[in-house]
Protein backbone atom coordinates (compact mmCIF):
# COMPACT_ATOMS: atom_id res chain seq x y z
CA MET A 1 -2.53 -2.41 11.21
CA THR A 2 -1.18 0.48 9.12
CA GLY A 3 1.45 2.89 8.68
CA TRP A 4 4.45 2.89 11.20
CA PRO A 5 3.11 -0.39 13.18
CA GLN A 6 2.89 -2.30 9.92
CA PHE A 7 6.26 -0.80 8.83
CA ARG A 8 8.07 -1.71 12.14
CA GLY A 9 6.68 -5.16 12.19
CA ASP A 10 7.88 -5.73 8.79
CA ILE A 11 11.45 -4.69 9.81
CA SER A 12 11.31 -6.70 12.87
CA ALA A 13 10.61 -9.89 10.80
CA ALA A 14 13.11 -9.03 8.18
CA VAL A 15 15.99 -8.58 10.89
CA LEU A 16 14.89 -11.74 12.44
CA ALA A 17 14.98 -13.71 8.96
CA GLY A 18 18.41 -12.57 8.21
CA ALA A 19 19.99 -12.88 11.79
CA ALA A 20 21.91 -15.94 11.18
CA ASP A 21 23.42 -14.87 7.89
CA GLU A 22 24.21 -11.44 9.55
CA PHE A 23 26.07 -13.18 12.42
CA ASP A 24 27.81 -15.38 10.07
CA ARG A 25 29.56 -12.37 8.46
CA ARG A 26 31.74 -11.93 11.36
CA THR A 27 33.65 -15.19 10.14
CA TRP A 28 33.90 -14.16 6.59
CA SER A 29 37.53 -14.34 4.92
CA GLY A 30 39.02 -11.17 3.51
CA ASP A 31 38.46 -12.36 0.00
CA ARG A 32 34.82 -13.07 0.60
CA ILE A 33 34.36 -9.60 1.82
CA ALA A 34 36.06 -8.06 -1.03
CA HIS A 35 34.08 -10.27 -3.49
CA THR A 36 30.89 -9.19 -1.63
CA GLN A 37 31.80 -5.41 -1.89
CA ARG A 38 32.70 -5.63 -5.36
CA ALA A 39 29.53 -7.19 -6.48
CA GLY A 40 27.31 -4.92 -4.20
CA LEU A 41 29.17 -1.91 -5.50
CA ARG A 42 28.54 -2.81 -9.07
CA ALA A 43 24.80 -3.61 -8.40
CA LEU A 44 24.34 -0.36 -6.60
CA LEU A 45 25.85 1.61 -9.63
CA GLN A 46 23.79 -0.34 -12.17
CA HIS A 47 20.67 0.34 -10.28
CA ALA A 48 21.36 3.94 -9.94
CA ILE A 49 22.06 4.06 -13.78
CA GLU A 50 18.84 2.34 -14.45
CA ARG A 51 16.47 4.14 -12.20
CA SER A 52 17.90 7.57 -11.44
CA PRO A 53 17.99 10.30 -14.19
CA PHE A 54 20.56 12.21 -12.24
CA HIS A 55 22.99 9.15 -11.71
CA ARG A 56 22.46 8.03 -15.36
CA SER A 57 23.60 11.43 -16.52
CA ARG A 58 26.44 11.75 -14.27
CA LEU A 59 27.64 8.16 -14.50
CA ALA A 60 27.35 8.12 -18.35
CA GLY A 61 30.64 6.54 -20.13
CA ILE A 62 31.99 5.02 -16.76
CA ASP A 63 32.69 1.47 -17.09
CA ILE A 64 31.19 0.42 -13.78
CA ASP A 65 32.39 -3.34 -14.11
CA GLY A 66 35.91 -1.74 -13.74
CA ILE A 67 35.31 -0.04 -10.66
CA GLU A 68 36.97 -1.36 -7.44
CA PRO A 69 35.86 -0.72 -3.78
CA ALA A 70 39.41 0.11 -3.02
CA ASP A 71 39.69 2.62 -5.86
CA LEU A 72 36.62 4.98 -6.47
CA SER A 73 38.64 7.64 -8.37
CA ALA A 74 36.74 6.98 -11.59
CA LEU A 75 33.28 8.04 -10.10
CA PRO A 76 32.60 11.76 -9.97
CA VAL A 77 32.14 13.39 -6.57
CA MET A 78 28.36 14.13 -5.56
CA THR A 79 28.30 17.05 -3.32
CA LYS A 80 25.12 17.53 -0.95
CA ALA A 81 24.37 20.62 -2.87
CA GLN A 82 24.03 18.70 -6.02
CA MET A 83 22.18 16.08 -4.52
CA MET A 84 19.76 18.39 -2.90
CA GLY A 85 19.26 20.40 -6.02
CA ALA A 86 18.29 17.50 -8.30
CA ILE A 87 16.57 15.32 -5.42
CA ASP A 88 13.67 14.33 -7.41
CA ASP A 89 15.82 13.01 -10.16
CA VAL A 90 18.24 11.46 -7.61
CA PHE A 91 15.40 9.13 -6.01
CA THR A 92 15.62 5.72 -8.04
CA ASP A 93 12.00 4.96 -7.14
CA ARG A 94 10.29 7.61 -9.61
CA ARG A 95 7.18 7.75 -7.34
CA LEU A 96 9.27 9.60 -4.75
CA ARG A 97 8.95 13.40 -4.62
CA ARG A 98 10.77 15.90 -2.35
CA ASP A 99 7.61 17.49 -1.20
CA ALA A 100 6.01 14.02 0.11
CA VAL A 101 9.43 13.43 1.97
CA GLU A 102 9.56 16.92 3.46
CA SER A 103 6.04 16.62 4.64
CA ALA A 104 6.78 13.10 6.33
CA LEU A 105 9.83 14.75 7.98
CA ALA A 106 7.90 17.70 9.42
CA THR A 107 5.21 15.42 10.77
CA THR A 108 7.67 13.02 12.43
CA ALA A 109 8.02 12.89 16.10
CA ALA A 110 9.22 9.88 18.07
CA GLU A 111 7.94 7.50 15.48
CA PRO A 112 8.88 7.72 11.65
CA VAL A 113 6.22 8.46 9.06
CA PRO A 114 6.37 5.91 6.34
CA ILE A 115 6.35 7.14 2.87
CA LEU A 116 4.43 5.30 0.14
CA GLY A 117 4.24 2.58 2.71
CA ASP A 118 7.83 1.22 1.89
CA TYR A 119 10.17 4.15 2.87
CA ILE A 120 11.23 6.50 5.86
CA ALA A 121 13.26 9.73 5.85
CA LEU A 122 16.17 10.80 7.98
CA ALA A 123 17.65 14.25 8.07
CA PRO A 124 20.65 15.54 9.84
CA GLY A 125 20.73 18.83 11.78
CA GLY A 126 22.35 20.66 8.76
CA CYS A 127 25.34 22.02 10.79
CA SER A 128 27.46 22.00 7.57
CA GLY A 129 25.23 24.84 6.36
CA GLN A 130 22.75 22.74 4.13
CA ARG A 131 20.39 20.14 5.33
CA GLY A 132 20.22 16.98 3.41
CA ILE A 133 17.60 14.39 3.33
CA PHE A 134 18.04 10.59 2.94
CA VAL A 135 15.36 8.06 2.18
CA LEU A 136 15.77 4.51 3.14
CA ASP A 137 13.64 1.51 1.93
CA ARG A 138 12.85 -1.42 4.05
CA ALA A 139 16.05 -3.46 3.14
CA ALA A 140 18.19 -0.49 4.14
CA VAL A 141 16.46 0.04 7.42
CA ALA A 142 16.74 -3.64 8.32
CA ALA A 143 20.51 -3.86 7.18
CA PHE A 144 21.23 -0.72 9.45
CA VAL A 145 19.23 -2.27 12.47
CA ALA A 146 21.24 -5.57 12.08
CA SER A 147 24.45 -3.70 11.81
CA VAL A 148 24.10 -1.82 14.92
CA SER A 149 22.63 -4.93 16.92
CA ARG A 150 25.59 -7.31 16.66
CA GLN A 151 26.77 -8.91 19.94
CA PRO A 152 30.33 -9.45 20.41
CA GLY A 153 31.70 -12.91 20.44
CA ALA A 154 33.47 -14.72 23.00
CA ALA A 155 36.87 -13.98 21.34
CA ASP A 156 36.27 -10.27 21.29
CA PRO A 157 38.48 -8.06 23.63
CA ILE A 158 35.59 -6.29 25.21
CA VAL A 159 34.00 -9.70 26.58
CA GLY A 160 35.65 -10.56 29.96
CA ALA A 161 37.88 -13.43 30.68
CA GLN A 162 35.04 -15.33 32.37
CA GLY A 163 32.73 -14.90 29.49
CA ASP A 164 30.87 -11.93 31.06
CA LYS A 165 28.14 -10.49 28.83
CA PRO A 166 29.06 -7.02 27.66
CA VAL A 167 26.97 -4.15 28.47
CA MET A 168 25.91 -1.81 25.81
CA ALA A 169 24.33 1.65 26.27
CA SER A 170 23.28 4.16 23.67
CA VAL A 171 22.07 7.84 23.55
CA THR A 172 19.35 8.36 21.18
CA SER A 173 17.68 11.62 19.64
CA PRO A 174 13.89 11.98 20.79
CA SER A 175 13.06 12.51 17.18
CA ALA A 176 12.87 9.73 14.60
CA VAL A 177 14.12 12.01 11.81
CA HIS A 178 17.51 10.95 13.26
CA ALA A 179 19.13 7.40 12.85
CA THR A 180 19.29 6.89 16.65
CA GLY A 181 15.75 7.98 17.11
CA MET A 182 14.51 5.75 14.31
CA VAL A 183 16.24 2.62 15.95
CA ALA A 184 14.82 3.66 19.26
CA ALA A 185 11.42 3.72 17.69
CA LEU A 186 11.63 0.28 16.26
CA ARG A 187 12.51 -1.15 19.74
CA SER A 188 10.02 0.92 21.58
CA GLY A 189 8.55 -1.17 24.39
CA ARG A 190 11.28 -3.84 23.92
CA ALA A 191 14.59 -4.71 25.35
CA ASN A 192 17.67 -3.54 23.75
CA ARG A 193 19.18 -6.75 23.45
CA PRO A 194 21.43 -7.79 20.36
CA TRP A 195 21.79 -10.98 18.47
CA CYS A 196 22.28 -14.01 20.95
CA PRO A 197 24.71 -16.39 19.13
CA ARG A 198 24.45 -19.24 21.81
CA ARG A 199 20.62 -19.60 21.11
CA ASN A 200 21.00 -18.71 17.31
CA ARG A 201 18.19 -16.01 17.38
CA TRP A 202 17.46 -12.72 18.46
CA PRO A 203 15.61 -12.45 21.70
CA LYS A 204 11.97 -12.81 22.13
CA SER A 205 11.88 -9.02 22.53
CA TRP A 206 12.61 -8.48 18.88
CA SER A 207 9.67 -10.66 17.89
CA GLY A 208 7.11 -8.65 19.92
């Protein structure tokens, strides 16, 4: 099993492995959320400085340990034009190149085309006048899928007084170059059911 089937299987396994922790986030205190956001932001900035020539240059001289999630004013704004103009240097994995990403996007239909076996690419329609490309690694894909698959708890307003299960629907793109189409491809042939807190697991449909 290679290519997309392998990638999809790995993502499903990662989502299953992190499901309990993902659901537990719903109960986090404000202080814990703030601490996690702060640590994540600084780790992200440090990774960008270490791995991306583009970000290393634009973030030079900035005290990243002093950056707070609630105040990002010390960080220079990155426009889409700047990002796309230097995209090869933006990538933190130095193996990634724009031509390979564009090739993957051009051959993507209902299923994503993995890049280097570790990434998939997404692209919006470019309605702003310039099309952007965005590359996600396995961890990013798994985190995105988990975030859109959370099921409301019994105390949430959309759950009926009698504990009725909420009904959720989604409209997805037919192309996996869009995020909704990518999620649909991950769930192809499976019931679109979210995490089940009562049974403390994802449904069997997620495990294939």
